[in-house]
N, C-alpha and C. Protein backbone atom coordinates (compact mmCIF):
# COMPACT_ATOMS: atom_id res chain seq x y z
N MET A 1 0.65 -1.08 -0.14
CA MET A 1 0.22 -0.30 -0.04
C MET A 1 1.16 1.34 -0.22
N ASP A 2 0.54 2.69 -0.89
CA ASP A 2 1.46 3.42 -0.85
C ASP A 2 0.63 4.29 0.81
N GLN A 3 1.50 4.40 0.99
CA GLN A 3 0.90 5.34 2.25
C GLN A 3 0.45 6.86 2.29
N ASN A 4 0.20 7.64 1.91
CA ASN A 4 0.05 9.21 1.75
C ASN A 4 0.59 9.85 2.96
N SER A 5 1.81 10.27 2.18
CA SER A 5 2.94 11.28 3.41
C SER A 5 2.55 12.23 4.02
N THR A 6 0.69 13.04 3.81
CA THR A 6 -0.27 13.77 4.38
C THR A 6 -0.36 13.27 6.25
N TYR A 7 -0.72 12.02 6.04
CA TYR A 7 -2.17 11.76 6.77
C TYR A 7 0.11 11.08 7.94
N PHE A 8 -1.05 11.13 9.47
CA PHE A 8 0.49 11.29 10.16
C PHE A 8 0.68 9.86 10.75
N SER A 9 -0.20 8.66 10.48
CA SER A 9 -0.11 7.00 10.47
C SER A 9 -1.48 6.84 9.57
N LEU A 10 -0.47 5.30 10.16
CA LEU A 10 -1.30 4.27 8.82
C LEU A 10 -2.43 3.55 9.23
N PRO A 11 -2.92 3.92 11.38
CA PRO A 11 -4.21 3.99 11.63
C PRO A 11 -5.21 5.57 11.09
N ASP A 12 -4.13 6.75 10.66
CA ASP A 12 -4.78 7.96 10.11
C ASP A 12 -5.65 7.40 8.74
N TYR A 13 -4.61 7.04 8.13
CA TYR A 13 -4.51 6.94 6.85
C TYR A 13 -6.00 5.82 6.37
N LEU A 14 -6.10 4.51 6.67
CA LEU A 14 -6.86 4.17 7.46
C LEU A 14 -8.65 4.29 7.94
N PHE A 15 -8.11 5.03 8.93
CA PHE A 15 -9.53 5.81 9.47
C PHE A 15 -10.31 6.76 7.85
N SER A 16 -9.45 7.39 7.58
CA SER A 16 -9.50 8.68 6.34
C SER A 16 -10.52 7.62 5.66
N LYS A 17 -9.97 6.72 4.80
CA LYS A 17 -10.55 6.15 3.75
C LYS A 17 -11.74 5.24 4.00
N LEU A 18 -11.53 4.38 5.38
CA LEU A 18 -12.58 4.05 5.53
C LEU A 18 -14.25 4.44 5.89
N SER A 19 -13.68 5.21 6.75
CA SER A 19 -14.19 7.05 6.84
C SER A 19 -15.50 7.47 5.64
N HIS A 20 -14.50 7.73 4.84
CA HIS A 20 -15.40 8.49 3.55
C HIS A 20 -15.81 7.52 2.83
N ASP A 21 -15.93 6.05 2.89
CA ASP A 21 -16.15 4.89 2.60
C ASP A 21 -17.45 4.89 2.78
N ILE A 22 -17.73 4.07 4.27
CA ILE A 22 -19.10 5.28 4.53
C ILE A 22 -19.77 6.09 4.75
N LEU A 23 -19.20 7.40 4.27
CA LEU A 23 -19.77 8.25 4.34
C LEU A 23 -20.44 8.55 2.71
N SER A 24 -19.38 7.84 2.32
CA SER A 24 -19.74 8.47 0.70
C SER A 24 -20.75 7.47 -0.25
N GLY A 25 -21.05 6.28 0.95
CA GLY A 25 -22.11 5.26 1.32
C GLY A 25 -21.68 3.48 -0.08
N LYS A 26 -20.34 3.73 -0.09
CA LYS A 26 -20.08 2.52 -0.45
C LYS A 26 -20.24 0.88 0.58
N TYR A 27 -20.16 1.42 1.51
CA TYR A 27 -21.19 0.76 3.39
C TYR A 27 -21.95 1.21 3.57
N ARG A 28 -23.17 0.57 3.60
CA ARG A 28 -24.21 1.41 4.98
C ARG A 28 -24.78 0.88 5.98
N ALA A 29 -25.52 2.00 6.35
CA ALA A 29 -26.06 1.02 7.33
C ALA A 29 -26.03 -0.28 8.02
N GLY A 30 -25.71 -1.31 9.08
CA GLY A 30 -25.94 -2.33 9.38
C GLY A 30 -25.08 -3.52 8.57
N ASP A 31 -24.35 -2.40 7.20
CA ASP A 31 -23.50 -3.35 6.81
C ASP A 31 -22.52 -3.74 7.72
N LYS A 32 -21.36 -5.29 8.53
CA LYS A 32 -20.31 -6.04 8.13
C LYS A 32 -19.80 -5.95 7.99
N LEU A 33 -18.30 -4.81 9.12
CA LEU A 33 -16.69 -4.87 8.75
C LEU A 33 -16.30 -5.69 9.31
N VAL A 34 -15.28 -6.39 7.80
CA VAL A 34 -14.40 -7.66 8.86
C VAL A 34 -12.89 -7.07 8.81
N GLU A 35 -12.73 -7.25 10.15
CA GLU A 35 -10.61 -6.67 9.53
C GLU A 35 -10.74 -7.18 9.12
N ALA A 36 -10.97 -8.61 8.64
CA ALA A 36 -9.44 -9.67 7.92
C ALA A 36 -9.51 -9.47 6.49
N VAL A 37 -10.45 -8.66 5.93
CA VAL A 37 -10.91 -7.95 5.24
C VAL A 37 -9.50 -7.13 4.66
N PHE A 38 -9.71 -4.95 5.03
CA PHE A 38 -9.07 -4.63 4.80
C PHE A 38 -7.77 -4.53 5.07
N GLN A 39 -7.04 -5.54 5.60
CA GLN A 39 -5.93 -5.94 5.75
C GLN A 39 -5.70 -6.83 4.21
N GLU A 40 -6.56 -7.64 4.01
CA GLU A 40 -6.16 -7.65 3.21
C GLU A 40 -5.81 -6.65 2.13
N GLU A 41 -7.39 -6.18 1.58
CA GLU A 41 -6.63 -5.11 1.27
C GLU A 41 -5.65 -4.17 1.29
N PHE A 42 -5.76 -3.43 1.84
CA PHE A 42 -4.67 -2.73 1.82
C PHE A 42 -3.10 -3.41 2.96
N GLU A 43 -3.54 -4.24 2.68
CA GLU A 43 -1.23 -5.43 2.81
C GLU A 43 -1.57 -5.19 3.76
N VAL A 44 -2.15 -4.86 4.99
CA VAL A 44 -1.57 -4.00 6.43
C VAL A 44 -1.85 -5.40 7.90
N SER A 45 -1.65 -5.17 8.33
CA SER A 45 -0.85 -6.46 9.23
C SER A 45 -2.97 -6.14 10.59
N LYS A 46 -2.95 -6.41 11.33
CA LYS A 46 -3.78 -5.93 11.99
C LYS A 46 -4.19 -4.71 12.40
N SER A 47 -2.84 -4.71 13.10
CA SER A 47 -3.34 -3.59 14.34
C SER A 47 -3.34 -2.37 13.86
N PRO A 48 -2.62 -1.90 12.65
CA PRO A 48 -3.29 -0.35 11.92
C PRO A 48 -5.16 -0.95 11.80
N VAL A 49 -5.22 -1.37 11.35
CA VAL A 49 -6.77 -2.18 11.14
C VAL A 49 -8.03 -1.46 12.73
N ARG A 50 -7.58 -2.09 13.21
CA ARG A 50 -8.08 -2.27 14.50
C ARG A 50 -7.93 -1.21 15.66
N GLU A 51 -7.08 -0.03 15.41
CA GLU A 51 -6.88 1.32 15.48
C GLU A 51 -7.95 2.37 14.56
N ALA A 52 -7.61 0.92 13.19
CA ALA A 52 -8.49 2.60 12.57
C ALA A 52 -9.54 1.68 12.84
N PHE A 53 -10.59 0.71 13.61
CA PHE A 53 -11.96 0.40 13.87
C PHE A 53 -12.13 1.17 14.59
N GLN A 54 -11.01 1.24 16.03
CA GLN A 54 -11.66 1.49 17.79
C GLN A 54 -11.49 3.16 16.93
N MET A 55 -10.81 4.25 16.17
CA MET A 55 -11.71 5.23 15.82
C MET A 55 -12.18 5.99 15.24
N LEU A 56 -13.40 4.73 14.42
CA LEU A 56 -14.11 4.96 13.39
C LEU A 56 -15.52 4.75 14.42
N ILE A 57 -14.94 4.04 16.16
CA ILE A 57 -16.20 4.09 17.19
C ILE A 57 -16.86 4.96 17.24
N ASN A 58 -15.49 6.03 17.92
CA ASN A 58 -15.73 7.00 18.45
C ASN A 58 -15.67 7.61 17.92
N ALA A 59 -15.85 7.73 16.19
CA ALA A 59 -16.53 9.03 15.50
C ALA A 59 -18.04 8.74 15.32
N GLY A 60 -18.52 7.54 15.64
CA GLY A 60 -19.82 7.20 15.88
C GLY A 60 -19.61 6.20 14.75
N LEU A 61 -19.19 5.83 13.86
CA LEU A 61 -20.04 5.69 12.27
C LEU A 61 -19.70 3.65 11.78
N ILE A 62 -19.16 3.51 13.35
CA ILE A 62 -19.53 2.05 13.05
C ILE A 62 -19.59 1.85 14.72
N GLU A 63 -20.17 0.20 14.90
CA GLU A 63 -20.77 0.43 16.25
C GLU A 63 -19.76 -1.66 16.26
N ARG A 64 -19.63 -1.73 17.87
CA ARG A 64 -19.04 -3.27 17.64
C ARG A 64 -20.19 -3.91 18.83
N LYS A 65 -20.58 -4.78 18.39
CA LYS A 65 -21.47 -6.09 18.73
C LYS A 65 -21.01 -6.71 19.30
N ASN A 66 -20.97 -7.44 20.34
CA ASN A 66 -20.55 -8.65 21.42
C ASN A 66 -20.85 -9.84 20.77
N ARG A 67 -19.52 -10.30 20.18
CA ARG A 67 -19.60 -11.88 19.87
C ARG A 67 -20.06 -11.74 18.18
N ARG A 68 -20.02 -10.47 17.95
CA ARG A 68 -20.84 -10.88 16.59
C ARG A 68 -19.76 -10.15 15.37
N GLY A 69 -18.67 -8.25 15.61
CA GLY A 69 -17.78 -7.87 14.81
C GLY A 69 -18.55 -6.70 14.94
N CYS A 70 -18.03 -6.29 14.48
CA CYS A 70 -18.68 -4.47 14.06
C CYS A 70 -19.12 -4.59 13.01
N PHE A 71 -20.55 -2.89 12.35
CA PHE A 71 -20.95 -2.71 11.10
C PHE A 71 -21.33 -1.44 11.46
N VAL A 72 -21.51 -0.93 10.09
CA VAL A 72 -21.80 0.66 10.58
C VAL A 72 -22.76 0.82 11.09
N LYS A 73 -23.24 2.06 12.16
CA LYS A 73 -23.78 2.02 13.12
C LYS A 73 -25.62 2.51 11.69
N VAL A 74 -26.21 1.58 13.09
CA VAL A 74 -28.45 2.43 12.52
C VAL A 74 -28.09 3.11 13.17
N LEU A 75 -28.06 4.82 12.09
CA LEU A 75 -29.13 5.13 13.56
C LEU A 75 -30.28 5.61 13.28
N THR A 76 -31.71 5.40 14.05
CA THR A 76 -32.96 5.92 14.05
C THR A 76 -33.53 7.28 14.13
N PRO A 77 -34.33 7.45 12.71
CA PRO A 77 -35.43 9.11 13.27
C PRO A 77 -35.26 9.27 15.10
N SER A 78 -35.63 8.53 15.73
CA SER A 78 -35.26 9.56 17.31
C SER A 78 -33.77 10.29 18.01
N GLU A 79 -32.67 8.76 16.92
CA GLU A 79 -31.67 9.58 17.65
C GLU A 79 -31.34 10.56 16.85
N ILE A 80 -31.61 10.85 15.87
CA ILE A 80 -31.54 12.32 14.64
C ILE A 80 -31.73 12.93 14.57
N GLU A 81 -33.18 12.75 15.68
CA GLU A 81 -33.61 14.59 15.76
C GLU A 81 -32.95 14.86 17.43
N ASN A 82 -32.74 13.81 18.52
CA ASN A 82 -31.79 14.06 19.38
C ASN A 82 -30.17 14.97 19.04
N ILE A 83 -29.63 14.15 18.28
CA ILE A 83 -27.99 14.49 17.89
C ILE A 83 -28.88 16.93 17.18
N TYR A 84 -29.88 16.46 16.31
CA TYR A 84 -29.73 17.80 16.52
C TYR A 84 -29.66 19.04 17.34
N GLU A 85 -30.36 18.11 18.09
CA GLU A 85 -31.04 19.28 19.08
C GLU A 85 -30.36 19.27 20.08
N VAL A 86 -28.75 18.65 20.31
CA VAL A 86 -28.05 18.96 21.17
C VAL A 86 -27.25 19.51 20.40
N ARG A 87 -27.12 20.01 19.30
CA ARG A 87 -26.18 20.30 18.19
C ARG A 87 -26.46 21.60 18.92
N MET A 88 -27.88 22.22 18.57
CA MET A 88 -28.33 23.38 18.28
C MET A 88 -28.55 23.69 20.24
N LEU A 89 -28.02 23.49 21.19
CA LEU A 89 -27.35 24.52 22.16
C LEU A 89 -26.60 24.07 22.48
N LEU A 90 -25.03 22.89 21.74
CA LEU A 90 -23.09 23.06 21.83
C LEU A 90 -23.23 24.06 21.03
N GLU A 91 -24.23 23.89 20.03
CA GLU A 91 -23.41 24.86 18.53
C GLU A 91 -23.51 25.95 19.07
N GLY A 92 -24.29 26.56 19.68
CA GLY A 92 -25.33 27.38 20.09
C GLY A 92 -24.12 28.17 21.07
N LEU A 93 -23.66 27.96 21.63
CA LEU A 93 -22.54 28.03 23.03
C LEU A 93 -21.53 28.57 22.46
N ALA A 94 -20.47 27.79 21.40
CA ALA A 94 -19.43 27.24 21.16
C ALA A 94 -19.84 28.92 20.07
N ALA A 95 -20.64 28.75 19.25
CA ALA A 95 -20.73 30.30 18.58
C ALA A 95 -20.71 31.52 19.07
N LYS A 96 -21.18 31.45 21.00
CA LYS A 96 -21.47 32.87 21.47
C LYS A 96 -20.11 33.21 21.79
N ASP A 97 -19.35 32.13 22.21
CA ASP A 97 -18.36 32.65 22.78
C ASP A 97 -17.00 33.02 22.13
N ALA A 98 -17.48 32.28 20.34
CA ALA A 98 -16.17 32.58 19.27
C ALA A 98 -16.45 34.26 19.09
N TYR A 99 -17.74 34.43 19.04
CA TYR A 99 -18.00 35.55 18.92
C TYR A 99 -16.86 36.58 19.38
N THR A 100 -17.56 36.41 20.71
CA THR A 100 -16.21 37.40 22.09
C THR A 100 -15.25 37.32 21.78
N ARG A 101 -14.43 36.23 21.05
CA ARG A 101 -13.46 36.19 21.01
C ARG A 101 -12.43 35.93 19.78
N MET A 102 -12.81 36.21 18.50
CA MET A 102 -12.83 35.89 17.22
C MET A 102 -11.80 37.54 16.55
N THR A 103 -11.15 36.83 16.08
CA THR A 103 -9.95 37.78 15.86
C THR A 103 -9.37 38.55 14.24
N PRO A 104 -10.23 39.12 14.10
CA PRO A 104 -9.75 39.20 11.92
C PRO A 104 -9.44 38.31 11.61
N LYS A 105 -7.32 37.60 12.12
CA LYS A 105 -7.28 36.65 11.23
C LYS A 105 -8.44 36.19 11.44
N ASP A 106 -9.23 35.68 12.75
CA ASP A 106 -10.46 34.80 12.82
C ASP A 106 -11.37 34.59 11.24
N LEU A 107 -11.98 35.61 11.25
CA LEU A 107 -13.19 36.22 11.04
C LEU A 107 -12.42 35.10 9.42
N LYS A 108 -10.79 35.80 8.79
CA LYS A 108 -10.40 36.24 7.81
C LYS A 108 -10.70 34.19 6.91
N ARG A 109 -10.09 33.63 8.96
CA ARG A 109 -10.39 32.46 8.43
C ARG A 109 -11.57 31.90 7.63
N LEU A 110 -12.59 31.96 8.33
CA LEU A 110 -14.25 32.04 9.04
C LEU A 110 -14.55 32.94 7.27
N GLN A 111 -13.96 33.14 6.37
CA GLN A 111 -14.86 33.30 5.40
C GLN A 111 -14.04 32.75 4.08
N GLU A 112 -12.58 32.33 4.87
CA GLU A 112 -12.40 31.37 3.64
C GLU A 112 -13.16 30.29 3.67
N LEU A 113 -13.69 29.43 5.28
CA LEU A 113 -14.21 27.60 4.49
C LEU A 113 -15.71 27.74 4.05
N TYR A 114 -16.53 29.37 3.94
CA TYR A 114 -17.26 29.72 3.75
C TYR A 114 -17.31 29.64 1.88
N ALA A 115 -16.04 30.54 1.35
CA ALA A 115 -15.60 30.29 0.03
C ALA A 115 -15.78 28.72 -0.19
N ALA A 116 -14.79 28.06 0.35
CA ALA A 116 -14.57 27.15 0.14
C ALA A 116 -15.61 25.44 0.07
N MET A 117 -16.68 25.66 1.00
CA MET A 117 -18.26 26.17 0.81
C MET A 117 -18.57 26.51 -0.71
N GLU A 118 -18.08 27.04 -0.81
CA GLU A 118 -19.55 27.88 -2.37
C GLU A 118 -18.26 27.40 -3.40
N ALA A 119 -17.42 27.37 -3.21
CA ALA A 119 -16.98 26.11 -4.17
C ALA A 119 -16.95 24.88 -4.43
N ASP A 120 -17.59 24.39 -3.54
CA ASP A 120 -18.19 23.07 -4.11
C ASP A 120 -18.96 22.57 -4.08
N MET A 121 -20.53 23.82 -3.70
CA MET A 121 -21.21 24.17 -4.00
C MET A 121 -20.89 24.62 -6.22
N GLU A 122 -20.41 24.69 -6.05
CA GLU A 122 -20.90 25.33 -7.65
C GLU A 122 -19.81 24.01 -8.62
N ALA A 123 -19.09 23.38 -8.36
CA ALA A 123 -18.58 21.99 -8.53
C ALA A 123 -19.59 21.05 -8.40
N ASN A 124 -20.70 21.15 -7.47
CA ASN A 124 -21.21 20.19 -7.22
C ASN A 124 -20.87 19.06 -6.60
N ASP A 125 -19.32 19.54 -5.76
CA ASP A 125 -19.05 18.17 -5.07
C ASP A 125 -20.12 18.19 -3.53
N THR A 126 -20.77 17.39 -3.37
CA THR A 126 -21.05 17.60 -2.28
C THR A 126 -20.11 16.97 -1.09
N PHE A 127 -18.81 15.71 -1.48
CA PHE A 127 -18.35 15.52 -0.46
C PHE A 127 -17.75 16.00 0.03
N GLY A 128 -17.05 17.26 -0.17
CA GLY A 128 -16.67 18.46 -0.50
C GLY A 128 -16.89 18.78 0.46
N TYR A 129 -18.08 19.55 -0.26
CA TYR A 129 -18.55 20.53 0.58
C TYR A 129 -19.06 20.38 2.17
N PHE A 130 -19.23 18.50 2.07
CA PHE A 130 -19.84 18.42 3.66
C PHE A 130 -18.98 18.17 4.48
N ASN A 131 -17.35 18.65 3.76
CA ASN A 131 -16.22 18.01 4.56
C ASN A 131 -16.11 19.90 5.03
N HIS A 132 -16.53 20.57 3.91
CA HIS A 132 -16.18 21.39 4.33
C HIS A 132 -17.37 22.69 5.65
N HIS A 133 -18.13 21.97 5.08
CA HIS A 133 -19.32 22.44 6.26
C HIS A 133 -18.74 22.11 7.56
N ASN A 134 -18.31 20.59 8.21
CA ASN A 134 -17.84 20.43 8.51
C ASN A 134 -16.93 20.88 9.48
N GLU A 135 -15.81 21.46 8.64
CA GLU A 135 -14.77 22.59 8.83
C GLU A 135 -15.44 23.56 9.39
N PHE A 136 -16.40 24.22 8.81
CA PHE A 136 -16.68 25.83 9.39
C PHE A 136 -18.14 25.43 10.61
N GLN A 137 -18.36 24.55 10.73
CA GLN A 137 -19.02 23.91 12.35
C GLN A 137 -18.06 24.50 12.80
N ARG A 138 -16.40 23.76 12.76
CA ARG A 138 -15.61 23.28 14.20
C ARG A 138 -14.92 24.80 14.73
N PHE A 139 -15.09 25.74 13.68
CA PHE A 139 -14.02 26.20 13.38
C PHE A 139 -15.04 27.36 15.00
N PHE A 140 -15.66 27.23 14.62
CA PHE A 140 -17.04 27.97 15.78
C PHE A 140 -16.40 27.49 17.40
N GLY A 141 -16.09 25.83 17.60
CA GLY A 141 -16.10 26.28 18.27
C GLY A 141 -14.75 25.57 18.93
N GLU A 142 -13.83 25.83 18.01
CA GLU A 142 -12.17 26.15 18.24
C GLU A 142 -11.89 27.39 19.23
N VAL A 143 -12.50 28.71 18.41
CA VAL A 143 -12.50 30.03 19.12
C VAL A 143 -12.71 29.81 19.56
N SER A 144 -13.49 29.41 20.74
CA SER A 144 -14.34 28.75 21.16
C SER A 144 -13.59 28.94 22.74
N GLY A 145 -12.79 28.31 22.54
CA GLY A 145 -11.49 27.83 23.06
C GLY A 145 -11.27 26.72 24.03
N ASN A 146 -13.02 25.82 24.17
CA ASN A 146 -14.01 24.52 24.50
C ASN A 146 -14.04 23.12 23.95
N SER A 147 -12.11 23.14 24.14
CA SER A 147 -11.88 21.77 23.57
C SER A 147 -13.15 20.38 23.59
N VAL A 148 -13.64 20.75 24.25
CA VAL A 148 -14.95 19.68 24.76
C VAL A 148 -16.48 19.41 24.00
N LEU A 149 -15.83 20.85 24.09
CA LEU A 149 -17.00 21.15 22.94
C LEU A 149 -16.96 20.68 21.71
N VAL A 150 -15.48 21.49 21.27
CA VAL A 150 -14.75 20.94 20.00
C VAL A 150 -15.12 18.99 19.80
N ASP A 151 -15.32 18.79 21.46
CA ASP A 151 -14.95 16.62 20.58
C ASP A 151 -16.59 16.37 20.66
N ILE A 152 -16.68 16.95 21.52
CA ILE A 152 -18.56 15.89 21.18
C ILE A 152 -19.21 17.00 20.03
N CYS A 153 -18.78 17.80 19.82
CA CYS A 153 -19.79 18.18 18.02
C CYS A 153 -19.47 17.97 17.19
N GLU A 154 -17.97 16.80 17.07
CA GLU A 154 -17.38 16.48 16.05
C GLU A 154 -18.13 15.16 15.95
N LYS A 155 -18.11 14.46 16.62
CA LYS A 155 -18.85 13.06 16.50
C LYS A 155 -20.61 13.25 16.73
N LEU A 156 -20.84 14.70 16.79
CA LEU A 156 -22.20 14.45 15.97
C LEU A 156 -21.96 14.72 14.57
N ARG A 157 -21.11 16.06 14.63
CA ARG A 157 -21.50 16.42 12.96
C ARG A 157 -21.47 15.73 12.04
N VAL A 158 -20.30 14.43 12.18
CA VAL A 158 -19.98 13.55 11.21
C VAL A 158 -21.63 12.79 11.34
N GLN A 159 -22.23 12.20 12.28
CA GLN A 159 -23.27 11.19 12.05
C GLN A 159 -24.29 12.35 11.52
N ASN A 160 -24.46 13.45 11.51
CA ASN A 160 -25.05 14.36 11.02
C ASN A 160 -24.82 13.94 9.22
N THR A 161 -23.94 13.78 9.11
CA THR A 161 -23.27 13.75 7.65
C THR A 161 -22.84 11.93 7.15
N TRP A 162 -23.18 11.53 7.41
CA TRP A 162 -23.30 9.89 7.65
C TRP A 162 -25.31 10.39 7.46
N TYR A 163 -25.70 10.58 8.17
CA TYR A 163 -27.36 10.40 8.04
C TYR A 163 -27.80 11.50 5.60
N ASN A 164 -26.95 12.79 6.27
CA ASN A 164 -27.03 13.80 4.96
C ASN A 164 -27.07 12.99 3.48
N MET A 165 -25.69 11.57 3.57
CA MET A 165 -25.26 12.54 2.40
C MET A 165 -25.57 10.44 1.85
N GLN A 166 -26.16 9.70 3.41
CA GLN A 166 -26.85 8.46 2.70
C GLN A 166 -28.38 8.79 2.24
N PHE A 167 -29.00 9.18 3.22
CA PHE A 167 -30.60 9.45 2.52
C PHE A 167 -31.14 10.59 2.55
N PHE A 168 -31.19 11.19 3.68
CA PHE A 168 -31.71 13.23 3.18
C PHE A 168 -31.45 13.77 1.63
N LYS A 169 -29.55 13.51 1.41
CA LYS A 169 -29.61 14.34 -0.68
C LYS A 169 -29.58 15.68 0.31
N VAL A 170 -29.55 16.55 1.36
CA VAL A 170 -29.28 17.80 1.39
C VAL A 170 -28.76 18.09 -0.01
N ASP A 171 -29.77 19.78 -0.54
CA ASP A 171 -29.78 20.27 -1.59
C ASP A 171 -28.20 21.28 -1.13
N ILE A 172 -26.85 21.23 -1.29
CA ILE A 172 -26.37 21.40 -1.29
C ILE A 172 -26.72 23.48 -1.70
N HIS A 173 -27.49 23.33 -2.34
CA HIS A 173 -27.22 25.11 -3.60
C HIS A 173 -27.84 25.28 -2.70
N THR A 174 -28.60 24.95 -1.70
CA THR A 174 -29.64 25.93 -0.16
C THR A 174 -29.06 25.83 1.08
N ASP A 175 -28.45 24.61 1.14
CA ASP A 175 -27.38 24.36 2.24
C ASP A 175 -26.88 25.56 2.22
N LEU A 176 -26.28 25.88 1.25
CA LEU A 176 -24.70 27.28 1.63
C LEU A 176 -26.23 28.21 1.77
N HIS A 177 -26.04 28.87 1.61
CA HIS A 177 -27.34 30.00 1.71
C HIS A 177 -27.94 30.34 3.09
N THR A 178 -27.80 29.00 3.57
CA THR A 178 -28.50 28.80 5.30
C THR A 178 -27.24 29.71 6.27
N HIS A 179 -25.99 29.50 6.16
CA HIS A 179 -25.44 30.54 6.40
C HIS A 179 -25.14 31.75 6.43
N ASP A 180 -25.76 32.43 5.44
CA ASP A 180 -25.43 33.30 4.98
C ASP A 180 -25.45 34.68 6.14
N ASP A 181 -26.94 33.92 6.97
CA ASP A 181 -26.40 35.75 8.15
C ASP A 181 -25.67 35.57 8.90
N LEU A 182 -24.93 33.64 9.43
CA LEU A 182 -23.94 33.94 10.43
C LEU A 182 -22.76 34.60 10.29
N MET A 183 -22.07 34.03 8.03
CA MET A 183 -21.30 35.35 7.98
C MET A 183 -21.52 36.78 7.88
N ARG A 184 -22.43 37.11 8.04
CA ARG A 184 -22.89 38.82 7.98
C ARG A 184 -22.50 39.26 9.47
N HIS A 185 -23.11 38.71 9.92
CA HIS A 185 -23.01 39.45 11.18
C HIS A 185 -21.94 38.94 11.88
N PHE A 186 -21.10 38.46 11.91
CA PHE A 186 -19.56 37.97 12.41
C PHE A 186 -18.89 39.14 12.31
N ALA A 187 -19.55 38.92 10.86
CA ALA A 187 -18.26 39.71 9.75
C ALA A 187 -18.32 41.61 10.77
N ALA A 188 -20.15 41.67 10.49
CA ALA A 188 -20.05 43.02 11.20
C ALA A 188 -20.02 43.54 12.45
N ARG A 189 -20.49 42.58 13.63
CA ARG A 189 -20.21 42.06 14.80
C ARG A 189 -21.86 43.15 15.01
N ASP A 190 -22.54 43.04 15.38
CA ASP A 190 -23.51 43.85 15.44
C ASP A 190 -24.75 43.38 16.16
N MET A 191 -24.43 42.29 16.73
CA MET A 191 -25.48 41.42 17.84
C MET A 191 -24.76 41.21 18.94
N SER A 192 -25.77 41.13 19.90
CA SER A 192 -24.94 40.33 20.87
C SER A 192 -24.84 39.67 21.83
N PRO A 193 -23.60 38.71 21.79
CA PRO A 193 -23.79 37.65 21.76
C PRO A 193 -23.99 36.32 22.21
N GLU A 194 -25.14 36.83 22.67
CA GLU A 194 -26.75 35.81 23.55
C GLU A 194 -27.72 35.36 21.86
N ASP A 195 -27.63 36.88 21.05
CA ASP A 195 -28.68 36.93 19.87
C ASP A 195 -27.35 36.48 18.90
N VAL A 196 -26.04 36.40 19.09
CA VAL A 196 -25.54 34.68 17.47
C VAL A 196 -26.11 33.60 18.30
N GLN A 197 -26.54 33.72 19.46
CA GLN A 197 -26.60 31.75 19.98
C GLN A 197 -27.63 31.78 19.63
N LYS A 198 -28.54 32.61 19.67
CA LYS A 198 -29.72 32.34 19.10
C LYS A 198 -29.69 31.24 17.53
N LEU A 199 -28.97 33.32 16.87
CA LEU A 199 -28.80 32.50 15.16
C LEU A 199 -27.92 31.13 15.49
N MET A 200 -27.15 30.88 15.75
CA MET A 200 -26.65 29.86 15.63
C MET A 200 -27.62 28.64 16.03
N GLN A 201 -28.97 28.87 17.03
CA GLN A 201 -29.36 27.80 17.35
C GLN A 201 -30.50 27.27 15.67
N ASP A 202 -31.55 28.72 14.93
CA ASP A 202 -31.67 28.81 14.67
C ASP A 202 -31.18 28.25 13.36
N HIS A 203 -29.72 28.20 12.63
CA HIS A 203 -29.45 27.61 12.17
C HIS A 203 -29.65 26.38 11.75
N ILE A 204 -28.94 25.92 12.55
CA ILE A 204 -29.18 24.10 13.06
C ILE A 204 -30.45 24.18 13.06
N GLY A 205 -31.33 24.00 14.23
CA GLY A 205 -32.98 23.93 13.87
C GLY A 205 -33.53 23.75 12.05
N ILE A 206 -32.92 24.35 11.19
CA ILE A 206 -33.33 24.27 9.49
C ILE A 206 -33.22 22.86 9.72
N GLY A 207 -31.85 22.50 9.69
CA GLY A 207 -31.78 20.78 9.19
C GLY A 207 -32.43 20.15 10.34
N LEU A 208 -33.29 20.23 11.82
CA LEU A 208 -34.07 19.46 11.69
C LEU A 208 -35.73 19.09 11.82
N ARG A 209 -35.42 20.87 11.64
CA ARG A 209 -37.27 20.68 10.27
C ARG A 209 -36.94 20.40 9.44
N ASN A 210 -36.53 20.32 8.04
CA ASN A 210 -36.01 19.29 6.76
C ASN A 210 -35.82 18.18 7.57
N PHE A 211 -35.11 17.32 8.12
CA PHE A 211 -35.54 16.44 9.03
C PHE A 211 -36.76 15.42 9.48
N ARG A 212 -38.08 16.31 10.00
CA ARG A 212 -38.11 16.54 10.16
C ARG A 212 -40.04 16.69 9.17
N THR A 213 -39.60 16.50 7.59
CA THR A 213 -40.30 17.76 7.05
C THR A 213 -40.24 16.16 5.96
N TYR A 214 -38.93 15.69 5.78
CA TYR A 214 -38.40 14.85 5.31
C TYR A 214 -39.15 13.22 6.15
N MET A 215 -38.90 13.29 6.86
CA MET A 215 -39.94 11.67 7.30
C MET A 215 -41.17 11.72 7.17
N GLN A 216 -42.14 13.11 7.45
CA GLN A 216 -43.25 13.57 7.36
C GLN A 216 -43.61 12.53 6.15
N ARG A 217 -43.06 13.54 4.66
CA ARG A 217 -43.06 13.17 3.25
C ARG A 217 -43.47 12.05 3.34
N GLU A 218 -41.76 10.35 3.82
CA GLU A 218 -41.49 9.63 3.42
C GLU A 218 -43.47 8.60 4.57
N GLY A 219 -43.75 9.46 5.20
CA GLY A 219 -44.52 8.20 6.32
C GLY A 219 -43.87 7.68 6.91
N LEU A 220 -42.89 8.08 7.37
CA LEU A 220 -41.69 7.30 8.61
C LEU A 220 -42.41 7.93 9.92
N ALA A 221 -41.95 7.49 10.92
CA ALA A 221 -42.26 7.78 12.32
C ALA A 221 -40.20 8.10 13.01
N THR A 222 -40.87 9.55 13.37
CA THR A 222 -40.16 9.93 13.95
C THR A 222 -39.22 9.81 15.55
N THR A 223 -40.33 9.08 16.07
CA THR A 223 -40.39 8.36 17.54
C THR A 223 -40.74 7.04 18.20
């Protein structure tokens, strides 16, 4: 296997490759993942595959079932709703704290991430869009200085991305512009931190409303 030098380690490479394959739909919810298969595919020993599997478990993409092995995680509608609701609270707090701490250099970084999402949208690159979207949302936790928020929200966003890419099929052309108010007010610095917190909560809430609408349209229960 030709290990890409941009990765810190072999497990990092395997994690990146397998998470991409899960998020893009190569492996579907409920599929079993067998360590020996990936050892053979990547021509590696058991140890890095096992480490990569643990990273996937930590990211919320796969789960280990007692005596049965590892499977791509199946999220119930209720769990997806819960993820959105928790993200609204935590990412709202992250945005509030980031707003009070952000420097001109931070604002430039935020604008670069938005521009990257815009370029992905124009190229119809859904996977690239969601990658940059995750970086965009992670920005607020990082600038807030709250590492606990960063770690928790990262896992929740990955699970949201998995759902959006495999099932809901978000229209990235529409989704991009749900970020416009955040960009405008973070640049203008014309709101109170509490109002910014609510603005982020409302932004995450759009995804929750879209999910509930989708479930109703498909005739599926969310509880």
